[in-house]
PDB file of all heavy atoms in Angstrom:
ATOM      1  N   ARG A   1     144.567-107.797-117.792  1.00  0.00           N
ATOM      2  CA  ARG A   1     144.050-106.840-116.781  1.00  0.00           C
ATOM      3  C   ARG A   1     145.293-106.750-115.701  1.00  0.00           C
ATOM      4  O   ARG A   1     145.740-105.724-115.281  1.00  0.00           O
ATOM      5  CB  ARG A   1     142.896-107.176-116.033  1.00  0.00           C
ATOM      6  CG  ARG A   1     141.627-107.020-116.802  1.00  0.00           C
ATOM      7  CD  ARG A   1     140.292-107.096-116.018  1.00  0.00           C
ATOM      8  NE  ARG A   1     140.226-108.234-115.366  1.00  0.00           N
ATOM      9  CZ  ARG A   1     139.520-109.268-115.897  1.00  0.00           C
ATOM     10  NH1 ARG A   1     139.004-109.187-117.131  1.00  0.00           N
ATOM     11  NH2 ARG A   1     139.415-110.440-115.224  1.00  0.00           N
ATOM     12  N   GLU A   2     145.813-107.975-115.319  1.00  0.00           N
ATOM     13  CA  GLU A   2     146.966-107.916-114.402  1.00  0.00           C
ATOM     14  C   GLU A   2     148.204-107.202-114.924  1.00  0.00           C
ATOM     15  O   GLU A   2     148.806-106.508-114.218  1.00  0.00           O
ATOM     16  CB  GLU A   2     147.288-109.441-114.005  1.00  0.00           C
ATOM     17  CG  GLU A   2     146.360-110.080-113.176  1.00  0.00           C
ATOM     18  CD  GLU A   2     146.626-111.604-112.954  1.00  0.00           C
ATOM     19  OE1 GLU A   2     147.666-112.026-113.598  1.00  0.00           O
ATOM     20  OE2 GLU A   2     145.766-112.238-112.185  1.00  0.00           O
ATOM     21  N   ALA A   3     148.485-107.383-116.225  1.00  0.00           N
ATOM     22  CA  ALA A   3     149.580-106.842-116.894  1.00  0.00           C
ATOM     23  C   ALA A   3     149.356-105.227-116.939  1.00  0.00           C
ATOM     24  O   ALA A   3     150.324-104.514-116.697  1.00  0.00           O
ATOM     25  CB  ALA A   3     149.874-107.315-118.321  1.00  0.00           C
ATOM     26  N   ALA A   4     148.167-104.822-117.230  1.00  0.00           N
ATOM     27  CA  ALA A   4     147.865-103.434-117.290  1.00  0.00           C
ATOM     28  C   ALA A   4     148.015-102.850-115.934  1.00  0.00           C
ATOM     29  O   ALA A   4     148.474-101.722-115.739  1.00  0.00           O
ATOM     30  CB  ALA A   4     146.482-103.122-117.807  1.00  0.00           C
ATOM     31  N   ASP A   5     147.436-103.581-114.807  1.00  0.00           N
ATOM     32  CA  ASP A   5     147.612-103.069-113.433  1.00  0.00           C
ATOM     33  C   ASP A   5     149.023-102.926-113.097  1.00  0.00           C
ATOM     34  O   ASP A   5     149.511-102.076-112.427  1.00  0.00           O
ATOM     35  CB  ASP A   5     146.900-104.017-112.558  1.00  0.00           C
ATOM     36  CG  ASP A   5     145.362-103.955-112.650  1.00  0.00           C
ATOM     37  OD1 ASP A   5     144.967-103.024-113.375  1.00  0.00           O
ATOM     38  OD2 ASP A   5     144.694-104.946-112.208  1.00  0.00           O
ATOM     39  N   LEU A   6     149.903-103.902-113.470  1.00  0.00           N
ATOM     40  CA  LEU A   6     151.331-103.808-113.200  1.00  0.00           C
ATOM     41  C   LEU A   6     152.021-102.679-113.806  1.00  0.00           C
ATOM     42  O   LEU A   6     152.763-101.912-113.092  1.00  0.00           O
ATOM     43  CB  LEU A   6     151.889-105.220-113.498  1.00  0.00           C
ATOM     44  CG  LEU A   6     153.549-105.241-113.334  1.00  0.00           C
ATOM     45  CD1 LEU A   6     153.798-105.175-111.830  1.00  0.00           C
ATOM     46  CD2 LEU A   6     154.010-106.603-113.902  1.00  0.00           C
ATOM     47  N   ARG A   7     151.712-102.447-115.087  1.00  0.00           N
ATOM     48  CA  ARG A   7     152.148-101.320-115.777  1.00  0.00           C
ATOM     49  C   ARG A   7     151.821 -99.979-114.996  1.00  0.00           C
ATOM     50  O   ARG A   7     152.586 -99.070-114.899  1.00  0.00           O
ATOM     51  CB  ARG A   7     151.829-101.177-117.224  1.00  0.00           C
ATOM     52  CG  ARG A   7     152.431-102.328-118.054  1.00  0.00           C
ATOM     53  CD  ARG A   7     152.137-102.095-119.581  1.00  0.00           C
ATOM     54  NE  ARG A   7     150.812-102.146-119.979  1.00  0.00           N
ATOM     55  CZ  ARG A   7     150.176-103.280-120.316  1.00  0.00           C
ATOM     56  NH1 ARG A   7     150.897-104.394-120.384  1.00  0.00           N
ATOM     57  NH2 ARG A   7     148.906-103.171-120.698  1.00  0.00           N
ATOM     58  N   GLU A   8     150.632 -99.926-114.678  1.00  0.00           N
ATOM     59  CA  GLU A   8     150.029 -98.742-113.938  1.00  0.00           C
ATOM     60  C   GLU A   8     150.766 -98.390-112.621  1.00  0.00           C
ATOM     61  O   GLU A   8     151.186 -97.374-112.324  1.00  0.00           O
ATOM     62  CB  GLU A   8     148.509 -98.869-113.843  1.00  0.00           C
ATOM     63  CG  GLU A   8     147.857 -97.648-113.017  1.00  0.00           C
ATOM     64  CD  GLU A   8     147.930 -96.432-113.742  1.00  0.00           C
ATOM     65  OE1 GLU A   8     148.226 -96.469-115.051  1.00  0.00           O
ATOM     66  OE2 GLU A   8     147.932 -95.209-113.223  1.00  0.00           O
ATOM     67  N   ARG A   9     150.929 -99.561-111.823  1.00  0.00           N
ATOM     68  CA  ARG A   9     151.689 -99.428-110.609  1.00  0.00           C
ATOM     69  C   ARG A   9     153.186 -99.059-110.856  1.00  0.00           C
ATOM     70  O   ARG A   9     153.713 -98.180-110.147  1.00  0.00           O
ATOM     71  CB  ARG A   9     151.678-100.711-109.806  1.00  0.00           C
ATOM     72  CG  ARG A   9     150.277-101.124-109.269  1.00  0.00           C
ATOM     73  CD  ARG A   9     150.258-102.220-108.289  1.00  0.00           C
ATOM     74  NE  ARG A   9     150.886-103.466-108.821  1.00  0.00           N
ATOM     75  CZ  ARG A   9     150.007-104.300-109.307  1.00  0.00           C
ATOM     76  NH1 ARG A   9     148.718-104.060-109.363  1.00  0.00           N
ATOM     77  NH2 ARG A   9     150.498-105.499-109.768  1.00  0.00           N
ATOM     78  N   GLU A  10     153.795 -99.661-111.902  1.00  0.00           N
ATOM     79  CA  GLU A  10     155.189 -99.162-112.191  1.00  0.00           C
ATOM     80  C   GLU A  10     155.345 -97.790-112.536  1.00  0.00           C
ATOM     81  O   GLU A  10     156.139 -97.055-112.182  1.00  0.00           O
ATOM     82  CB  GLU A  10     155.615-100.101-113.437  1.00  0.00           C
ATOM     83  CG  GLU A  10     155.960-101.562-112.907  1.00  0.00           C
ATOM     84  CD  GLU A  10     156.387-102.333-114.140  1.00  0.00           C
ATOM     85  OE1 GLU A  10     156.353-101.941-115.254  1.00  0.00           O
ATOM     86  OE2 GLU A  10     157.025-103.520-113.916  1.00  0.00           O
ATOM     87  N   LEU A  11     154.153 -97.279-113.343  1.00  0.00           N
ATOM     88  CA  LEU A  11     154.156 -95.891-113.683  1.00  0.00           C
ATOM     89  C   LEU A  11     154.006 -94.925-112.537  1.00  0.00           C
ATOM     90  O   LEU A  11     154.674 -93.934-112.409  1.00  0.00           O
ATOM     91  CB  LEU A  11     153.019 -95.586-114.728  1.00  0.00           C
ATOM     92  CG  LEU A  11     152.802 -94.117-115.250  1.00  0.00           C
ATOM     93  CD1 LEU A  11     154.157 -93.706-115.936  1.00  0.00           C
ATOM     94  CD2 LEU A  11     151.740 -94.043-116.156  1.00  0.00           C
ATOM     95  N   GLN A  12     153.147 -95.325-111.605  1.00  0.00           N
ATOM     96  CA  GLN A  12     153.018 -94.535-110.454  1.00  0.00           C
ATOM     97  C   GLN A  12     154.251 -94.506-109.613  1.00  0.00           C
ATOM     98  O   GLN A  12     154.599 -93.485-109.029  1.00  0.00           O
ATOM     99  CB  GLN A  12     151.779 -95.132-109.625  1.00  0.00           C
ATOM    100  CG  GLN A  12     150.483 -95.018-110.195  1.00  0.00           C
ATOM    101  CD  GLN A  12     149.343 -95.836-109.345  1.00  0.00           C
ATOM    102  OE1 GLN A  12     149.695 -96.563-108.445  1.00  0.00           O
ATOM    103  NE2 GLN A  12     148.171 -95.675-109.827  1.00  0.00           N
ATOM    104  N   ILE A  13     154.962 -95.600-109.498  1.00  0.00           N
ATOM    105  CA  ILE A  13     156.253 -95.696-108.702  1.00  0.00           C
ATOM    106  C   ILE A  13     157.282 -94.790-109.306  1.00  0.00           C
ATOM    107  O   ILE A  13     158.041 -94.038-108.619  1.00  0.00           O
ATOM    108  CB  ILE A  13     156.710 -97.103-108.628  1.00  0.00           C
ATOM    109  CG1 ILE A  13     155.813 -97.867-107.682  1.00  0.00           C
ATOM    110  CG2 ILE A  13     158.181 -97.147-107.921  1.00  0.00           C
ATOM    111  CD1 ILE A  13     156.180 -99.340-107.653  1.00  0.00           C
ATOM    112  N   ARG A  14     157.285 -94.822-110.597  1.00  0.00           N
ATOM    113  CA  ARG A  14     158.303 -94.012-111.358  1.00  0.00           C
ATOM    114  C   ARG A  14     158.084 -92.523-111.185  1.00  0.00           C
ATOM    115  O   ARG A  14     158.917 -91.606-110.955  1.00  0.00           O
ATOM    116  CB  ARG A  14     158.310 -94.296-112.881  1.00  0.00           C
ATOM    117  CG  ARG A  14     159.041 -95.604-113.211  1.00  0.00           C
ATOM    118  CD  ARG A  14     159.015 -95.903-114.627  1.00  0.00           C
ATOM    119  NE  ARG A  14     159.771 -97.170-114.936  1.00  0.00           N
ATOM    120  CZ  ARG A  14     160.986 -97.284-115.107  1.00  0.00           C
ATOM    121  NH1 ARG A  14     161.809 -96.160-114.918  1.00  0.00           N
ATOM    122  NH2 ARG A  14     161.591 -98.401-115.277  1.00  0.00           N
ATOM    123  N   VAL A  15     156.765 -92.123-111.283  1.00  0.00           N
ATOM    124  CA  VAL A  15     156.240 -90.736-111.115  1.00  0.00           C
ATOM    125  C   VAL A  15     156.690 -90.288-109.715  1.00  0.00           C
ATOM    126  O   VAL A  15     157.208 -89.147-109.538  1.00  0.00           O
ATOM    127  CB  VAL A  15     154.780 -90.640-111.348  1.00  0.00           C
ATOM    128  CG1 VAL A  15     154.363 -89.112-110.909  1.00  0.00           C
ATOM    129  CG2 VAL A  15     154.529 -90.763-112.891  1.00  0.00           C
ATOM    130  N   LEU A  16     156.378 -91.205-108.759  1.00  0.00           N
ATOM    131  CA  LEU A  16     156.724 -90.813-107.347  1.00  0.00           C
ATOM    132  C   LEU A  16     158.249 -90.602-107.163  1.00  0.00           C
ATOM    133  O   LEU A  16     158.758 -89.662-106.533  1.00  0.00           O
ATOM    134  CB  LEU A  16     156.240 -91.852-106.388  1.00  0.00           C
ATOM    135  CG  LEU A  16     156.507 -91.707-104.931  1.00  0.00           C
ATOM    136  CD1 LEU A  16     155.878 -90.565-104.343  1.00  0.00           C
ATOM    137  CD2 LEU A  16     155.967 -92.909-104.092  1.00  0.00           C
ATOM    138  N   ALA A  17     159.033 -91.545-107.662  1.00  0.00           N
ATOM    139  CA  ALA A  17     160.442 -91.437-107.581  1.00  0.00           C
ATOM    140  C   ALA A  17     161.111 -90.336-108.329  1.00  0.00           C
ATOM    141  O   ALA A  17     162.036 -89.665-107.858  1.00  0.00           O
ATOM    142  CB  ALA A  17     161.150 -92.828-108.085  1.00  0.00           C
ATOM    143  N   ASP A  18     160.447 -89.925-109.512  1.00  0.00           N
ATOM    144  CA  ASP A  18     160.926 -88.801-110.273  1.00  0.00           C
ATOM    145  C   ASP A  18     160.761 -87.477-109.440  1.00  0.00           C
ATOM    146  O   ASP A  18     161.479 -86.412-109.683  1.00  0.00           O
ATOM    147  CB  ASP A  18     160.334 -88.706-111.594  1.00  0.00           C
ATOM    148  CG  ASP A  18     160.999 -89.617-112.656  1.00  0.00           C
ATOM    149  OD1 ASP A  18     162.084 -89.976-112.403  1.00  0.00           O
ATOM    150  OD2 ASP A  18     160.313 -89.965-113.675  1.00  0.00           O
ATOM    151  N   ASN A  19     159.848 -87.413-108.554  1.00  0.00           N
ATOM    152  CA  ASN A  19     159.440 -86.262-107.798  1.00  0.00           C
ATOM    153  C   ASN A  19     160.016 -86.223-106.463  1.00  0.00           C
ATOM    154  O   ASN A  19     159.751 -85.204-105.657  1.00  0.00           O
ATOM    155  CB  ASN A  19     157.911 -86.087-107.711  1.00  0.00           C
ATOM    156  CG  ASN A  19     157.386 -85.726-109.083  1.00  0.00           C
ATOM    157  OD1 ASN A  19     157.255 -84.494-109.434  1.00  0.00           O
ATOM    158  ND2 ASN A  19     156.763 -86.595-109.875  1.00  0.00           N
ATOM    159  N   LEU A  20     160.943 -87.223-106.147  1.00  0.00           N
ATOM    160  CA  LEU A  20     161.562 -87.141-104.909  1.00  0.00           C
ATOM    161  C   LEU A  20     162.688 -85.982-104.967  1.00  0.00           C
ATOM    162  O   LEU A  20     163.290 -85.805-105.988  1.00  0.00           O
ATOM    163  CB  LEU A  20     162.358 -88.454-104.726  1.00  0.00           C
ATOM    164  CG  LEU A  20     161.531 -89.725-104.261  1.00  0.00           C
ATOM    165  CD1 LEU A  20     162.342 -90.948-104.279  1.00  0.00           C
ATOM    166  CD2 LEU A  20     160.868 -89.475-102.905  1.00  0.00           C
ATOM    167  N   PRO A  21     162.887 -85.248-103.867  1.00  0.00           N
ATOM    168  CA  PRO A  21     163.779 -84.190-103.853  1.00  0.00           C
ATOM    169  C   PRO A  21     165.317 -84.786-103.808  1.00  0.00           C
ATOM    170  O   PRO A  21     166.186 -83.993-104.139  1.00  0.00           O
ATOM    171  CB  PRO A  21     163.562 -83.428-102.550  1.00  0.00           C
ATOM    172  CG  PRO A  21     162.862 -84.437-101.673  1.00  0.00           C
ATOM    173  CD  PRO A  21     162.069 -85.256-102.584  1.00  0.00           C
ATOM    174  N   GLN A  22     165.414 -86.086-103.391  1.00  0.00           N
ATOM    175  CA  GLN A  22     166.753 -86.681-103.382  1.00  0.00           C
ATOM    176  C   GLN A  22     167.097 -87.303-104.728  1.00  0.00           C
ATOM    177  O   GLN A  22     166.243 -87.492-105.604  1.00  0.00           O
ATOM    178  CB  GLN A  22     166.747 -87.806-102.293  1.00  0.00           C
ATOM    179  CG  GLN A  22     166.618 -87.288-100.843  1.00  0.00           C
ATOM    180  CD  GLN A  22     165.145 -87.144-100.483  1.00  0.00           C
ATOM    181  OE1 GLN A  22     164.219 -87.609-101.347  1.00  0.00           O
ATOM    182  NE2 GLN A  22     164.809 -86.557 -99.439  1.00  0.00           N
ATOM    183  N   LEU A  23     168.447 -87.513-104.883  1.00  0.00           N
ATOM    184  CA  LEU A  23     168.872 -88.260-106.100  1.00  0.00           C
ATOM    185  C   LEU A  23     168.634 -89.766-105.866  1.00  0.00           C
ATOM    186  O   LEU A  23     168.893 -90.290-104.744  1.00  0.00           O
ATOM    187  CB  LEU A  23     170.402 -88.087-106.325  1.00  0.00           C
ATOM    188  CG  LEU A  23     170.869 -86.565-106.465  1.00  0.00           C
ATOM    189  CD1 LEU A  23     172.370 -86.656-106.697  1.00  0.00           C
ATOM    190  CD2 LEU A  23     170.105 -85.802-107.477  1.00  0.00           C
ATOM    191  N   ALA A  24     167.966 -90.397-106.833  1.00  0.00           N
ATOM    192  CA  ALA A  24     167.712 -91.813-106.676  1.00  0.00           C
ATOM    193  C   ALA A  24     168.042 -92.590-108.018  1.00  0.00           C
ATOM    194  O   ALA A  24     168.003 -92.089-108.977  1.00  0.00           O
ATOM    195  CB  ALA A  24     166.230 -92.086-106.432  1.00  0.00           C
ATOM    196  N   TRP A  25     168.546 -93.819-107.698  1.00  0.00           N
ATOM    197  CA  TRP A  25     168.884 -94.638-108.848  1.00  0.00           C
ATOM    198  C   TRP A  25     168.782 -96.151-108.494  1.00  0.00           C
ATOM    199  O   TRP A  25     168.775 -96.505-107.288  1.00  0.00           O
ATOM    200  CB  TRP A  25     170.416 -94.330-109.478  1.00  0.00           C
ATOM    201  CG  TRP A  25     171.518 -94.549-108.301  1.00  0.00           C
ATOM    202  CD1 TRP A  25     172.210 -95.723-108.172  1.00  0.00           C
ATOM    203  CD2 TRP A  25     171.929 -93.605-107.381  1.00  0.00           C
ATOM    204  NE1 TRP A  25     173.048 -95.559-107.184  1.00  0.00           N
ATOM    205  CE2 TRP A  25     172.888 -94.271-106.673  1.00  0.00           C
ATOM    206  CE3 TRP A  25     171.634 -92.298-107.117  1.00  0.00           C
ATOM    207  CZ2 TRP A  25     173.629 -93.692-105.730  1.00  0.00           C
ATOM    208  CZ3 TRP A  25     172.259 -91.744-106.042  1.00  0.00           C
ATOM    209  CH2 TRP A  25     173.257 -92.345-105.376  1.00  0.00           C
ATOM    210  N   MET A  26     168.789 -97.009-109.604  1.00  0.00           N
ATOM    211  CA  MET A  26     168.786 -98.335-109.279  1.00  0.00           C
ATOM    212  C   MET A  26     169.791 -99.223-110.099  1.00  0.00           C
ATOM    213  O   MET A  26     170.112 -98.642-111.155  1.00  0.00           O
ATOM    214  CB  MET A  26     167.422 -99.057-109.631  1.00  0.00           C
ATOM    215  CG  MET A  26     166.191 -98.613-108.693  1.00  0.00           C
ATOM    216  SD  MET A  26     164.662 -99.511-109.051  1.00  0.00           S
ATOM    217  CE  MET A  26     164.464 -98.972-110.701  1.00  0.00           C
ATOM    218  N   THR A  27     170.449-100.202-109.625  1.00  0.00           N
ATOM    219  CA  THR A  27     171.424-100.866-110.320  1.00  0.00           C
ATOM    220  C   THR A  27     171.037-102.465-110.498  1.00  0.00           C
ATOM    221  O   THR A  27     170.166-102.868-109.730  1.00  0.00           O
ATOM    222  CB  THR A  27     172.784-100.893-109.642  1.00  0.00           C
ATOM    223  OG1 THR A  27     172.694-101.430-108.339  1.00  0.00           O
ATOM    224  CG2 THR A  27     173.224 -99.426-109.454  1.00  0.00           C
ATOM    225  N   ASP A  28     171.610-103.185-111.292  1.00  0.00           N
ATOM    226  CA  ASP A  28     171.284-104.499-111.548  1.00  0.00           C
ATOM    227  C   ASP A  28     172.301-105.462-110.538  1.00  0.00           C
ATOM    228  O   ASP A  28     172.929-104.768-109.790  1.00  0.00           O
ATOM    229  CB  ASP A  28     171.435-105.010-112.950  1.00  0.00           C
ATOM    230  CG  ASP A  28     172.919-104.703-113.540  1.00  0.00           C
ATOM    231  OD1 ASP A  28     173.818-104.635-112.729  1.00  0.00           O
ATOM    232  OD2 ASP A  28     173.025-104.826-114.780  1.00  0.00           O
ATOM    233  N   ALA A  29     172.292-106.662-110.731  1.00  0.00           N
ATOM    234  CA  ALA A  29     173.059-107.484-109.836  1.00  0.00           C
ATOM    235  C   ALA A  29     174.490-107.262-110.083  1.00  0.00           C
ATOM    236  O   ALA A  29     175.368-107.610-109.097  1.00  0.00           O
ATOM    237  CB  ALA A  29     172.790-109.017-110.202  1.00  0.00           C
ATOM    238  N   GLN A  30     175.028-106.735-111.125  1.00  0.00           N
ATOM    239  CA  GLN A  30     176.373-106.424-111.401  1.00  0.00           C
ATOM    240  C   GLN A  30     176.757-104.978-111.068  1.00  0.00           C
ATOM    241  O   GLN A  30     177.845-104.427-111.471  1.00  0.00           O
ATOM    242  CB  GLN A  30     176.673-106.791-112.771  1.00  0.00           C
ATOM    243  CG  GLN A  30     176.930-108.156-113.066  1.00  0.00           C
ATOM    244  CD  GLN A  30     175.555-108.833-113.186  1.00  0.00           C
ATOM    245  OE1 GLN A  30     174.579-108.314-113.669  1.00  0.00           O
ATOM    246  NE2 GLN A  30     175.426-110.061-112.592  1.00  0.00           N
ATOM    247  N   ALA A  31     175.778-104.352-110.353  1.00  0.00           N
ATOM    248  CA  ALA A  31     176.042-102.892-109.853  1.00  0.00           C
ATOM    249  C   ALA A  31     176.034-101.872-111.081  1.00  0.00           C
ATOM    250  O   ALA A  31     176.688-100.899-110.993  1.00  0.00           O
ATOM    251  CB  ALA A  31     177.282-102.843-109.094  1.00  0.00           C
ATOM    252  N   ARG A  32     175.462-102.297-112.130  1.00  0.00           N
ATOM    253  CA  ARG A  32     175.350-101.384-113.385  1.00  0.00           C
ATOM    254  C   ARG A  32     174.088-100.617-113.195  1.00  0.00           C
ATOM    255  O   ARG A  32     173.073-101.274-113.013  1.00  0.00           O
ATOM    256  CB  ARG A  32     175.383-102.185-114.562  1.00  0.00           C
ATOM    257  CG  ARG A  32     176.756-102.965-114.930  1.00  0.00           C
ATOM    258  CD  ARG A  32     176.725-103.810-116.110  1.00  0.00           C
ATOM    259  NE  ARG A  32     175.707-104.748-115.933  1.00  0.00           N
ATOM    260  CZ  ARG A  32     175.554-105.973-116.730  1.00  0.00           C
ATOM    261  NH1 ARG A  32     176.603-106.078-117.469  1.00  0.00           N
ATOM    262  NH2 ARG A  32     174.818-106.887-116.588  1.00  0.00           N
ATOM    263  N   PRO A  33     174.071 -99.405-113.422  1.00  0.00           N
ATOM    264  CA  PRO A  33     172.906 -98.534-113.262  1.00  0.00           C
ATOM    265  C   PRO A  33     171.926 -98.839-114.336  1.00  0.00           C
ATOM    266  O   PRO A  33     172.315 -99.067-115.537  1.00  0.00           O
ATOM    267  CB  PRO A  33     173.432 -97.061-113.444  1.00  0.00           C
ATOM    268  CG  PRO A  33     174.612 -97.299-114.241  1.00  0.00           C
ATOM    269  CD  PRO A  33     175.342 -98.491-113.743  1.00  0.00           C
ATOM    270  N   VAL A  34     170.640 -99.102-113.890  1.00  0.00           N
ATOM    271  CA  VAL A  34     169.560 -99.357-114.857  1.00  0.00           C
ATOM    272  C   VAL A  34     168.439 -98.346-114.871  1.00  0.00           C
ATOM    273  O   VAL A  34     167.597 -98.152-115.737  1.00  0.00           O
ATOM    274  CB  VAL A  34     168.919-100.731-114.564  1.00  0.00           C
ATOM    275  CG1 VAL A  34     169.965-101.857-114.790  1.00  0.00           C
ATOM    276  CG2 VAL A  34     168.290-100.780-113.146  1.00  0.00           C
ATOM    277  N   TRP A  35     168.534 -97.330-113.823  1.00  0.00           N
ATOM    278  CA  TRP A  35     167.514 -96.339-113.855  1.00  0.00           C
ATOM    279  C   TRP A  35     167.959 -95.262-112.780  1.00  0.00           C
ATOM    280  O   TRP A  35     168.691 -95.460-111.797  1.00  0.00           O
ATOM    281  CB  TRP A  35     166.180 -96.895-113.227  1.00  0.00           C
ATOM    282  CG  TRP A  35     165.129 -95.933-112.989  1.00  0.00           C
ATOM    283  CD1 TRP A  35     164.302 -95.383-113.942  1.00  0.00           C
ATOM    284  CD2 TRP A  35     164.833 -95.216-111.762  1.00  0.00           C
ATOM    285  NE1 TRP A  35     163.394 -94.410-113.384  1.00  0.00           N
ATOM    286  CE2 TRP A  35     163.766 -94.351-112.065  1.00  0.00           C
ATOM    287  CE3 TRP A  35     165.348 -95.307-110.499  1.00  0.00           C
ATOM    288  CZ2 TRP A  35     163.218 -93.594-111.156  1.00  0.00           C
ATOM    289  CZ3 TRP A  35     164.854 -94.455-109.556  1.00  0.00           C
ATOM    290  CH2 TRP A  35     163.779 -93.583-109.805  1.00  0.00           C
TER     291      TRP A  35
END
């Protein structure tokens, strides 16, 4: 249940970020883009 809840929250965050009017991205510790 916790894993399913985590996946659901991640999906909600991604949907929210995808609908932002601004350009958004994330990088890893080496400044490489991951999303």
